[in-house]
């Protein structure tokens, strides 16, 4: 019933499960080489800085229990459903 009304909402074990894409956390930072175009035409102008650091967002493994609702990232919800089914 909930899947028809709202995408990302379902029932598991009597709990309403809400999938939230914003439940992420910072991953391991890594450096990327900057192109000459980026080095010369970006602000603030720092052409000698050859690399920049990127921090990817990875799915959070945390699960929030709020009354009869479970809020988690969709990959975590998929894993919970798989473990309960098998």
PDB file of N, CA and C in Angstrom:
ATOM      1  N   UNK A   1       0.809  -1.185   0.000  1.00  0.00           N
ATOM      2  CA  UNK A   1       0.000   0.000   0.000  1.00  0.00           C
ATOM      3  C   UNK A   1       0.860   1.259   0.000  1.00  0.00           C
ATOM      4  N   UNK A   2       1.905   1.306   0.840  1.00  0.00           N
ATOM      5  CA  UNK A   2       2.726   2.501   0.915  1.00  0.00           C
ATOM      6  C   UNK A   2       3.566   2.685  -0.343  1.00  0.00           C
ATOM      7  N   UNK A   3       3.986   1.573  -0.965  1.00  0.00           N
ATOM      8  CA  UNK A   3       4.796   1.694  -2.173  1.00  0.00           C
ATOM      9  C   UNK A   3       4.021   2.353  -3.298  1.00  0.00           C
ATOM     10  N   UNK A   4       2.708   2.175  -3.340  1.00  0.00           N
ATOM     11  CA  UNK A   4       1.898   2.785  -4.383  1.00  0.00           C
ATOM     12  C   UNK A   4       1.733   4.279  -4.141  1.00  0.00           C
ATOM     13  N   UNK A   5       1.638   4.688  -2.875  1.00  0.00           N
ATOM     14  CA  UNK A   5       1.388   6.086  -2.556  1.00  0.00           C
ATOM     15  C   UNK A   5       2.647   6.932  -2.610  1.00  0.00           C
ATOM     16  N   UNK A   6       3.717   6.453  -1.987  1.00  0.00           N
ATOM     17  CA  UNK A   6       4.951   7.211  -1.908  1.00  0.00           C
ATOM     18  C   UNK A   6       6.129   6.339  -2.324  1.00  0.00           C
ATOM     19  N   UNK A   7       6.908   6.762  -3.329  1.00  0.00           N
ATOM     20  CA  UNK A   7       8.102   5.984  -3.660  1.00  0.00           C
ATOM     21  C   UNK A   7       9.130   6.099  -2.544  1.00  0.00           C
ATOM     22  N   UNK A   8       9.823   5.010  -2.260  1.00  0.00           N
ATOM     23  CA  UNK A   8      10.831   5.006  -1.213  1.00  0.00           C
ATOM     24  C   UNK A   8      10.285   4.728   0.171  1.00  0.00           C
ATOM     25  N   UNK A   9       9.002   4.324   0.258  1.00  0.00           N
ATOM     26  CA  UNK A   9       8.385   4.015   1.550  1.00  0.00           C
ATOM     27  C   UNK A   9       7.806   2.614   1.458  1.00  0.00           C
ATOM     28  N   UNK A  10       8.024   1.787   2.458  1.00  0.00           N
ATOM     29  CA  UNK A  10       7.507   0.427   2.469  1.00  0.00           C
ATOM     30  C   UNK A  10       7.360  -0.066   3.894  1.00  0.00           C
ATOM     31  N   UNK A  11       6.912  -1.312   4.032  1.00  0.00           N
ATOM     32  CA  UNK A  11       6.734  -1.912   5.350  1.00  0.00           C
ATOM     33  C   UNK A  11       7.648  -3.121   5.473  1.00  0.00           C
ATOM     34  N   UNK A  12       8.331  -3.236   6.619  1.00  0.00           N
ATOM     35  CA  UNK A  12       9.174  -4.382   6.927  1.00  0.00           C
ATOM     36  C   UNK A  12       8.965  -4.710   8.398  1.00  0.00           C
ATOM     37  N   UNK A  13       8.465  -5.901   8.664  1.00  0.00           N
ATOM     38  CA  UNK A  13       8.312  -6.366  10.036  1.00  0.00           C
ATOM     39  C   UNK A  13       7.457  -5.460  10.903  1.00  0.00           C
ATOM     40  N   UNK A  14       6.431  -4.852  10.345  1.00  0.00           N
ATOM     41  CA  UNK A  14       5.557  -3.971  11.112  1.00  0.00           C
ATOM     42  C   UNK A  14       6.068  -2.548  11.243  1.00  0.00           C
ATOM     43  N   UNK A  15       7.238  -2.261  10.693  1.00  0.00           N
ATOM     44  CA  UNK A  15       7.788  -0.917  10.717  1.00  0.00           C
ATOM     45  C   UNK A  15       7.627  -0.278   9.342  1.00  0.00           C
ATOM     46  N   UNK A  16       7.339   1.011   9.324  1.00  0.00           N
ATOM     47  CA  UNK A  16       7.309   1.748   8.074  1.00  0.00           C
ATOM     48  C   UNK A  16       8.747   2.131   7.739  1.00  0.00           C
ATOM     49  N   UNK A  17       9.235   1.735   6.565  1.00  0.00           N
ATOM     50  CA  UNK A  17      10.615   1.973   6.158  1.00  0.00           C
ATOM     51  C   UNK A  17      10.649   3.123   5.156  1.00  0.00           C
ATOM     52  N   UNK A  18      11.449   4.143   5.462  1.00  0.00           N
ATOM     53  CA  UNK A  18      11.587   5.302   4.593  1.00  0.00           C
ATOM     54  C   UNK A  18      13.016   5.340   4.067  1.00  0.00           C
ATOM     55  N   UNK A  19      13.156   5.365   2.741  1.00  0.00           N
ATOM     56  CA  UNK A  19      14.474   5.451   2.116  1.00  0.00           C
ATOM     57  C   UNK A  19      14.816   6.921   1.910  1.00  0.00           C
ATOM     58  N   UNK A  20      15.984   7.328   2.386  1.00  0.00           N
ATOM     59  CA  UNK A  20      16.394   8.724   2.306  1.00  0.00           C
ATOM     60  C   UNK A  20      17.765   8.806   1.643  1.00  0.00           C
ATOM     61  N   UNK A  21      17.814   9.385   0.437  1.00  0.00           N
ATOM     62  CA  UNK A  21      19.079   9.495  -0.297  1.00  0.00           C
ATOM     63  C   UNK A  21      20.063  10.452   0.358  1.00  0.00           C
ATOM     64  N   UNK A  22      19.581  11.331   1.212  1.00  0.00           N
ATOM     65  CA  UNK A  22      20.479  12.304   1.823  1.00  0.00           C
ATOM     66  C   UNK A  22      21.254  11.730   3.015  1.00  0.00           C
ATOM     67  N   UNK A  23      21.016  10.480   3.380  1.00  0.00           N
ATOM     68  CA  UNK A  23      21.749   9.868   4.490  1.00  0.00           C
ATOM     69  C   UNK A  23      23.103   9.363   3.985  1.00  0.00           C
ATOM     70  N   UNK A  24      24.025  10.295   3.860  1.00  0.00           N
ATOM     71  CA  UNK A  24      25.386   9.981   3.415  1.00  0.00           C
ATOM     72  C   UNK A  24      26.375  10.537   4.424  1.00  0.00           C
ATOM     73  N   UNK A  25      27.605  10.113   4.295  1.00  0.00           N
ATOM     74  CA  UNK A  25      28.681  10.632   5.138  1.00  0.00           C
ATOM     75  C   UNK A  25      29.907  10.817   4.256  1.00  0.00           C
ATOM     76  N   UNK A  26      30.841  11.665   4.663  1.00  0.00           N
ATOM     77  CA  UNK A  26      32.035  11.888   3.849  1.00  0.00           C
ATOM     78  C   UNK A  26      32.893  10.627   3.761  1.00  0.00           C
ATOM     79  N   UNK A  27      33.371  10.353   2.545  1.00  0.00           N
ATOM     80  CA  UNK A  27      34.237   9.198   2.329  1.00  0.00           C
ATOM     81  C   UNK A  27      35.704   9.581   2.462  1.00  0.00           C
ATOM     82  N   UNK A  28      36.556   8.751   1.929  1.00  0.00           N
ATOM     83  CA  UNK A  28      38.000   8.972   1.980  1.00  0.00           C
ATOM     84  C   UNK A  28      38.381  10.042   0.946  1.00  0.00           C
ATOM     85  N   UNK A  29      38.998  11.155   1.363  1.00  0.00           N
ATOM     86  CA  UNK A  29      39.379  12.199   0.402  1.00  0.00           C
ATOM     87  C   UNK A  29      40.488  11.723  -0.530  1.00  0.00           C
ATOM     88  N   UNK A  30      40.467  12.238  -1.753  1.00  0.00           N
ATOM     89  CA  UNK A  30      41.520  11.915  -2.714  1.00  0.00           C
ATOM     90  C   UNK A  30      41.830  13.152  -3.546  1.00  0.00           C
ATOM     91  N   UNK A  31      43.015  13.174  -4.123  1.00  0.00           N
ATOM     92  CA  UNK A  31      43.460  14.329  -4.903  1.00  0.00           C
ATOM     93  C   UNK A  31      43.305  14.063  -6.389  1.00  0.00           C
ATOM     94  N   UNK A  32      42.958  15.133  -7.119  1.00  0.00           N
ATOM     95  CA  UNK A  32      42.771  15.077  -8.561  1.00  0.00           C
ATOM     96  C   UNK A  32      43.609  16.191  -9.179  1.00  0.00           C
ATOM     97  N   UNK A  33      44.275  15.874 -10.285  1.00  0.00           N
ATOM     98  CA  UNK A  33      45.055  16.905 -10.968  1.00  0.00           C
ATOM     99  C   UNK A  33      44.125  17.916 -11.614  1.00  0.00           C
ATOM    100  N   UNK A  34      44.463  19.190 -11.497  1.00  0.00           N
ATOM    101  CA  UNK A  34      43.694  20.260 -12.112  1.00  0.00           C
ATOM    102  C   UNK A  34      44.195  20.490 -13.531  1.00  0.00           C
ATOM    103  N   UNK A  35      43.293  20.740 -14.460  1.00  0.00           N
ATOM    104  CA  UNK A  35      43.695  21.040 -15.830  1.00  0.00           C
ATOM    105  C   UNK A  35      44.243  22.468 -15.891  1.00  0.00           C
ATOM    106  N   UNK A  36      44.969  22.763 -16.983  1.00  0.00           N
ATOM    107  CA  UNK A  36      45.493  24.120 -17.135  1.00  0.00           C
ATOM    108  C   UNK A  36      44.365  25.131 -17.249  1.00  0.00           C
ATOM    109  N   UNK A  37      43.289  24.751 -17.880  1.00  0.00           N
ATOM    110  CA  UNK A  37      42.136  25.654 -17.999  1.00  0.00           C
ATOM    111  C   UNK A  37      41.608  26.019 -16.609  1.00  0.00           C
ATOM    112  N   UNK A  38      41.456  25.021 -15.761  1.00  0.00           N
ATOM    113  CA  UNK A  38      40.976  25.272 -14.399  1.00  0.00           C
ATOM    114  C   UNK A  38      41.993  26.087 -13.604  1.00  0.00           C
ATOM    115  N   UNK A  39      43.262  25.796 -13.795  1.00  0.00           N
ATOM    116  CA  UNK A  39      44.299  26.511 -13.043  1.00  0.00           C
ATOM    117  C   UNK A  39      44.379  27.979 -13.439  1.00  0.00           C
ATOM    118  N   UNK A  40      44.173  28.278 -14.716  1.00  0.00           N
ATOM    119  CA  UNK A  40      44.320  29.658 -15.189  1.00  0.00           C
ATOM    120  C   UNK A  40      43.051  30.500 -15.063  1.00  0.00           C
ATOM    121  N   UNK A  41      41.877  29.875 -15.171  1.00  0.00           N
ATOM    122  CA  UNK A  41      40.643  30.650 -15.240  1.00  0.00           C
ATOM    123  C   UNK A  41      39.710  30.461 -14.054  1.00  0.00           C
ATOM    124  N   UNK A  42      40.196  29.945 -12.943  1.00  0.00           N
ATOM    125  CA  UNK A  42      39.333  29.786 -11.770  1.00  0.00           C
ATOM    126  C   UNK A  42      39.619  30.894 -10.764  1.00  0.00           C
ATOM    127  N   UNK A  43      38.655  31.103  -9.896  1.00  0.00           N
ATOM    128  CA  UNK A  43      38.816  32.095  -8.834  1.00  0.00           C
ATOM    129  C   UNK A  43      38.770  31.405  -7.505  1.00  0.00           C
ATOM    130  N   UNK A  44      39.578  31.711  -6.533  1.00  0.00           N
ATOM    131  CA  UNK A  44      40.686  32.652  -6.622  1.00  0.00           C
ATOM    132  C   UNK A  44      41.809  32.103  -7.510  1.00  0.00           C
ATOM    133  N   UNK A  45      42.544  32.996  -8.132  1.00  0.00           N
ATOM    134  CA  UNK A  45      43.536  32.615  -9.123  1.00  0.00           C
ATOM    135  C   UNK A  45      44.762  32.037  -8.437  1.00  0.00           C
ATOM    136  N   UNK A  46      44.938  30.724  -8.559  1.00  0.00           N
ATOM    137  CA  UNK A  46      46.104  30.031  -7.994  1.00  0.00           C
ATOM    138  C   UNK A  46      46.634  29.040  -9.038  1.00  0.00           C
ATOM    139  N   UNK A  47      47.369  29.530 -10.028  1.00  0.00           N
ATOM    140  CA  UNK A  47      47.820  28.647 -11.113  1.00  0.00           C
ATOM    141  C   UNK A  47      48.893  27.648 -10.710  1.00  0.00           C
ATOM    142  N   UNK A  48      49.574  27.854  -9.590  1.00  0.00           N
ATOM    143  CA  UNK A  48      50.635  26.936  -9.185  1.00  0.00           C
ATOM    144  C   UNK A  48      50.105  25.727  -8.418  1.00  0.00           C
ATOM    145  N   UNK A  49      48.884  25.776  -7.960  1.00  0.00           N
ATOM    146  CA  UNK A  49      48.298  24.634  -7.255  1.00  0.00           C
ATOM    147  C   UNK A  49      47.842  23.617  -8.305  1.00  0.00           C
ATOM    148  N   UNK A  50      48.536  22.489  -8.385  1.00  0.00           N
ATOM    149  CA  UNK A  50      48.309  21.516  -9.450  1.00  0.00           C
ATOM    150  C   UNK A  50      47.231  20.495  -9.131  1.00  0.00           C
ATOM    151  N   UNK A  51      46.857  20.347  -7.867  1.00  0.00           N
ATOM    152  CA  UNK A  51      45.859  19.341  -7.503  1.00  0.00           C
ATOM    153  C   UNK A  51      44.769  19.982  -6.641  1.00  0.00           C
ATOM    154  N   UNK A  52      43.641  19.302  -6.583  1.00  0.00           N
ATOM    155  CA  UNK A  52      42.573  19.692  -5.663  1.00  0.00           C
ATOM    156  C   UNK A  52      42.081  18.437  -4.970  1.00  0.00           C
ATOM    157  N   UNK A  53      41.546  18.611  -3.788  1.00  0.00           N
ATOM    158  CA  UNK A  53      41.097  17.480  -2.988  1.00  0.00           C
ATOM    159  C   UNK A  53      39.591  17.347  -3.090  1.00  0.00           C
ATOM    160  N   UNK A  54      39.127  16.148  -3.414  1.00  0.00           N
ATOM    161  CA  UNK A  54      37.699  15.845  -3.482  1.00  0.00           C
ATOM    162  C   UNK A  54      37.337  14.893  -2.346  1.00  0.00           C
ATOM    163  N   UNK A  55      36.160  15.121  -1.769  1.00  0.00           N
ATOM    164  CA  UNK A  55      35.665  14.257  -0.702  1.00  0.00           C
ATOM    165  C   UNK A  55      34.339  13.664  -1.183  1.00  0.00           C
ATOM    166  N   UNK A  56      34.315  12.386  -1.558  1.00  0.00           N
ATOM    167  CA  UNK A  56      33.071  11.788  -2.054  1.00  0.00           C
ATOM    168  C   UNK A  56      32.082  11.538  -0.910  1.00  0.00           C
ATOM    169  N   UNK A  57      30.808  11.510  -1.240  1.00  0.00           N
ATOM    170  CA  UNK A  57      29.767  11.174  -0.276  1.00  0.00           C
ATOM    171  C   UNK A  57      29.402   9.706  -0.474  1.00  0.00           C
ATOM    172  N   UNK A  58      29.496   8.917   0.581  1.00  0.00           N
ATOM    173  CA  UNK A  58      29.183   7.493   0.528  1.00  0.00           C
ATOM    174  C   UNK A  58      27.954   7.221   1.394  1.00  0.00           C
ATOM    175  N   UNK A  59      27.194   6.156   1.104  1.00  0.00           N
ATOM    176  CA  UNK A  59      26.004   5.853   1.907  1.00  0.00           C
ATOM    177  C   UNK A  59      26.348   5.608   3.369  1.00  0.00           C
ATOM    178  N   UNK A  60      25.552   6.196   4.244  1.00  0.00           N
ATOM    179  CA  UNK A  60      25.742   6.014   5.679  1.00  0.00           C
ATOM    180  C   UNK A  60      25.166   4.663   6.093  1.00  0.00           C
ATOM    181  N   UNK A  61      25.856   3.973   6.976  1.00  0.00           N
ATOM    182  CA  UNK A  61      25.384   2.681   7.467  1.00  0.00           C
ATOM    183  C   UNK A  61      24.451   2.839   8.662  1.00  0.00           C
ATOM    184  N   UNK A  62      24.186   4.078   9.081  1.00  0.00           N
ATOM    185  CA  UNK A  62      23.343   4.329  10.232  1.00  0.00           C
ATOM    186  C   UNK A  62      21.875   4.142   9.878  1.00  0.00           C
ATOM    187  N   UNK A  63      21.106   3.707  10.858  1.00  0.00           N
ATOM    188  CA  UNK A  63      19.663   3.543  10.714  1.00  0.00           C
ATOM    189  C   UNK A  63      19.008   4.331  11.842  1.00  0.00           C
ATOM    190  N   UNK A  64      18.034   5.164  11.479  1.00  0.00           N
ATOM    191  CA  UNK A  64      17.330   5.970  12.474  1.00  0.00           C
ATOM    192  C   UNK A  64      15.986   5.317  12.751  1.00  0.00           C
ATOM    193  N   UNK A  65      15.719   5.027  14.010  1.00  0.00           N
ATOM    194  CA  UNK A  65      14.437   4.469  14.430  1.00  0.00           C
ATOM    195  C   UNK A  65      13.660   5.596  15.098  1.00  0.00           C
ATOM    196  N   UNK A  66      12.537   5.969  14.492  1.00  0.00           N
ATOM    197  CA  UNK A  66      11.733   7.089  14.964  1.00  0.00           C
ATOM    198  C   UNK A  66      10.304   6.597  15.156  1.00  0.00           C
ATOM    199  N   UNK A  67      10.000   6.145  16.366  1.00  0.00           N
ATOM    200  CA  UNK A  67       8.672   5.572  16.623  1.00  0.00           C
ATOM    201  C   UNK A  67       8.530   4.258  15.868  1.00  0.00           C
ATOM    202  N   UNK A  68       7.577   4.184  14.965  1.00  0.00           N
ATOM    203  CA  UNK A  68       7.361   3.002  14.124  1.00  0.00           C
ATOM    204  C   UNK A  68       7.965   3.174  12.740  1.00  0.00           C
ATOM    205  N   UNK A  69       8.857   4.159  12.562  1.00  0.00           N
ATOM    206  CA  UNK A  69       9.500   4.409  11.268  1.00  0.00           C
ATOM    207  C   UNK A  69      10.979   4.065  11.357  1.00  0.00           C
ATOM    208  N   UNK A  70      11.482   3.467  10.295  1.00  0.00           N
ATOM    209  CA  UNK A  70      12.913   3.221  10.124  1.00  0.00           C
ATOM    210  C   UNK A  70      13.354   4.072   8.948  1.00  0.00           C
ATOM    211  N   UNK A  71      14.347   4.941   9.161  1.00  0.00           N
ATOM    212  CA  UNK A  71      14.858   5.813   8.111  1.00  0.00           C
ATOM    213  C   UNK A  71      16.298   5.410   7.836  1.00  0.00           C
ATOM    214  N   UNK A  72      16.594   5.106   6.541  1.00  0.00           N
ATOM    215  CA  UNK A  72      17.941   4.668   6.173  1.00  0.00           C
ATOM    216  C   UNK A  72      18.189   4.963   4.697  1.00  0.00           C
ATOM    217  N   UNK A  73      19.453   4.850   4.283  1.00  0.00           N
ATOM    218  CA  UNK A  73      19.825   4.999   2.877  1.00  0.00           C
ATOM    219  C   UNK A  73      19.249   3.811   2.096  1.00  0.00           C
ATOM    220  N   UNK A  74      18.863   4.002   0.824  1.00  0.00           N
ATOM    221  CA  UNK A  74      18.273   2.899   0.049  1.00  0.00           C
ATOM    222  C   UNK A  74      19.132   1.641  -0.025  1.00  0.00           C
ATOM    223  N   UNK A  75      20.452   1.758  -0.079  1.00  0.00           N
ATOM    224  CA  UNK A  75      21.298   0.560  -0.121  1.00  0.00           C
ATOM    225  C   UNK A  75      21.214  -0.210   1.189  1.00  0.00           C
ATOM    226  N   UNK A  76      21.086   0.485   2.311  1.00  0.00           N
ATOM    227  CA  UNK A  76      20.958  -0.175   3.608  1.00  0.00           C
ATOM    228  C   UNK A  76      19.588  -0.841   3.724  1.00  0.00           C
ATOM    229  N   UNK A  77      18.548  -0.168   3.225  1.00  0.00           N
ATOM    230  CA  UNK A  77      17.194  -0.749   3.248  1.00  0.00           C
ATOM    231  C   UNK A  77      17.155  -2.018   2.402  1.00  0.00           C
ATOM    232  N   UNK A  78      17.818  -1.992   1.251  1.00  0.00           N
ATOM    233  CA  UNK A  78      17.861  -3.172   0.375  1.00  0.00           C
ATOM    234  C   UNK A  78      18.554  -4.335   1.087  1.00  0.00           C
ATOM    235  N   UNK A  79      19.633  -4.041   1.802  1.00  0.00           N
ATOM    236  CA  UNK A  79      20.353  -5.086   2.540  1.00  0.00           C
ATOM    237  C   UNK A  79      19.497  -5.648   3.681  1.00  0.00           C
ATOM    238  N   UNK A  80      18.770  -4.773   4.386  1.00  0.00           N
ATOM    239  CA  UNK A  80      17.889  -5.230   5.461  1.00  0.00           C
ATOM    240  C   UNK A  80      16.807  -6.151   4.911  1.00  0.00           C
ATOM    241  N   UNK A  81      16.180  -5.755   3.800  1.00  0.00           N
ATOM    242  CA  UNK A  81      15.129  -6.585   3.193  1.00  0.00           C
ATOM    243  C   UNK A  81      15.681  -7.929   2.724  1.00  0.00           C
ATOM    244  N   UNK A  82      16.905  -7.909   2.151  1.00  0.00           N
ATOM    245  CA  UNK A  82      17.514  -9.153   1.677  1.00  0.00           C
ATOM    246  C   UNK A  82      17.800 -10.096   2.831  1.00  0.00           C
ATOM    247  N   UNK A  83      18.293  -9.563   3.956  1.00  0.00           N
ATOM    248  CA  UNK A  83      18.598 -10.409   5.100  1.00  0.00           C
ATOM    249  C   UNK A  83      17.333 -10.955   5.763  1.00  0.00           C
ATOM    250  N   UNK A  84      16.267 -10.161   5.770  1.00  0.00           N
ATOM    251  CA  UNK A  84      15.026 -10.648   6.367  1.00  0.00           C
ATOM    252  C   UNK A  84      14.333 -11.681   5.465  1.00  0.00           C
ATOM    253  N   UNK A  85      14.513 -11.564   4.157  1.00  0.00           N
ATOM    254  CA  UNK A  85      13.874 -12.500   3.226  1.00  0.00           C
ATOM    255  C   UNK A  85      14.579 -13.854   3.231  1.00  0.00           C
ATOM    256  N   UNK A  86      15.870 -13.866   3.411  1.00  0.00           N
ATOM    257  CA  UNK A  86      16.607 -15.113   3.274  1.00  0.00           C
ATOM    258  C   UNK A  86      17.110 -15.583   4.545  1.00  0.00           C
TER     259      UNK A  86
END
